[in-house]
Amino acid sequence: MLGHSFEGIMMKRLSDIGVGHTVVIKSFENNDIFLKLMEMGCVPGEKVRVEQVAPLGDPIAITVSGYNLSLRLDEARNIFVEEVA
């Protein structure tokens, strides 16, 4: 899947990030889910670490704002992230 360009930076979707990688949330594709994700601590600028992926690939477990959270793949696909160097 192709990345998304935001202010000249190529980003990936959270659903495409591998286990053990840390990323920074940059934007959301679907504003309808933005409020739900924001209430869970997924806000632009927040670091997210992918902790686990279920055996069949859905859901994924992440750490955000100091706590663990499970996201369905359709939710994670709406989150554009940039990998931390």
Protein backbone atom coordinates (compact mmCIF):
# COMPACT_ATOMS: atom_id res chain seq x y z
CA MET A 1 0.00 0.00 0.00
CA LEU A 2 1.34 3.43 -0.85
CA GLY A 3 2.20 5.96 1.80
CA HIS A 4 0.55 9.29 2.37
CA SER A 5 2.37 12.61 2.00
CA PHE A 6 1.93 15.15 4.79
CA GLU A 7 4.01 18.33 4.64
CA GLY A 8 6.41 16.61 2.25
CA ILE A 9 7.00 13.61 4.56
CA MET A 10 6.08 10.11 3.38
CA MET A 11 4.04 8.37 6.01
CA LYS A 12 2.68 4.88 6.50
CA ARG A 13 -0.53 3.59 7.97
CA LEU A 14 -0.36 2.24 11.52
CA SER A 15 -1.78 -1.04 10.19
CA ASP A 16 1.41 -1.49 8.09
CA ILE A 17 3.87 -1.09 10.98
CA GLY A 18 5.64 -4.19 12.28
CA VAL A 19 5.84 -5.45 15.84
CA GLY A 20 8.45 -3.65 17.94
CA HIS A 21 8.48 -0.45 15.88
CA THR A 22 7.76 2.96 17.37
CA VAL A 23 6.05 5.64 15.31
CA VAL A 24 4.57 9.10 15.77
CA ILE A 25 0.94 9.80 14.84
CA LYS A 26 0.72 12.49 12.16
CA SER A 27 -2.85 12.55 10.89
CA PHE A 28 -6.08 10.64 10.37
CA GLU A 29 -7.73 9.69 7.10
CA ASN A 30 -11.27 9.38 8.41
CA ASN A 31 -12.56 12.21 10.59
CA ASP A 32 -15.53 10.08 11.71
CA ILE A 33 -13.22 7.90 13.81
CA PHE A 34 -10.95 10.76 14.95
CA LEU A 35 -12.91 11.53 18.14
CA LYS A 36 -12.95 7.88 19.23
CA LEU A 37 -9.21 7.54 18.65
CA MET A 38 -8.49 10.84 20.37
CA GLU A 39 -10.39 9.71 23.47
CA MET A 40 -8.13 6.63 23.55
CA GLY A 41 -4.98 8.79 23.49
CA CYS A 42 -4.25 8.51 19.77
CA VAL A 43 -3.59 12.15 18.96
CA PRO A 44 -1.20 13.73 16.46
CA GLY A 45 2.31 13.97 17.92
CA GLU A 46 1.85 10.98 20.25
CA LYS A 47 4.35 8.11 20.07
CA VAL A 48 2.91 4.64 19.49
CA ARG A 49 4.69 1.30 19.77
CA VAL A 50 3.27 -1.79 18.07
CA GLU A 51 3.45 -4.55 20.69
CA GLN A 52 1.63 -7.52 19.15
CA VAL A 53 -0.40 -8.63 16.17
CA ALA A 54 -3.06 -11.31 16.61
CA PRO A 55 -2.36 -14.64 14.88
CA LEU A 56 -4.80 -13.84 12.07
CA GLY A 57 -3.56 -10.22 11.86
CA ASP A 58 -6.50 -8.50 13.56
CA PRO A 59 -6.50 -6.83 16.08
CA ILE A 60 -3.14 -5.26 16.87
CA ALA A 61 -1.92 -4.30 20.33
CA ILE A 62 -0.18 -0.94 20.77
CA THR A 63 1.22 1.12 23.62
CA VAL A 64 0.11 4.77 23.56
CA SER A 65 0.17 7.39 26.34
CA GLY A 66 1.61 4.80 28.73
CA TYR A 67 -1.09 2.15 28.40
CA ASN A 68 -1.91 -0.83 26.19
CA LEU A 69 -4.66 -0.58 23.62
CA SER A 70 -6.09 -2.98 21.05
CA LEU A 71 -7.14 -1.59 17.69
CA ARG A 72 -8.96 -3.29 14.85
CA LEU A 73 -7.12 -3.13 11.55
CA ASP A 74 -9.80 -0.91 10.02
CA GLU A 75 -9.15 1.62 12.82
CA ALA A 76 -5.35 1.36 12.45
CA ARG A 77 -5.65 1.91 8.67
CA ASN A 78 -7.04 5.39 9.36
CA ILE A 79 -3.98 6.51 11.32
CA PHE A 80 -1.05 7.92 9.35
CA VAL A 81 2.28 7.68 11.15
CA GLU A 82 5.94 8.52 10.69
CA GLU A 83 8.65 6.14 11.89
CA VAL A 84 10.87 7.36 14.71
CA ALA A 85 14.53 7.56 13.72
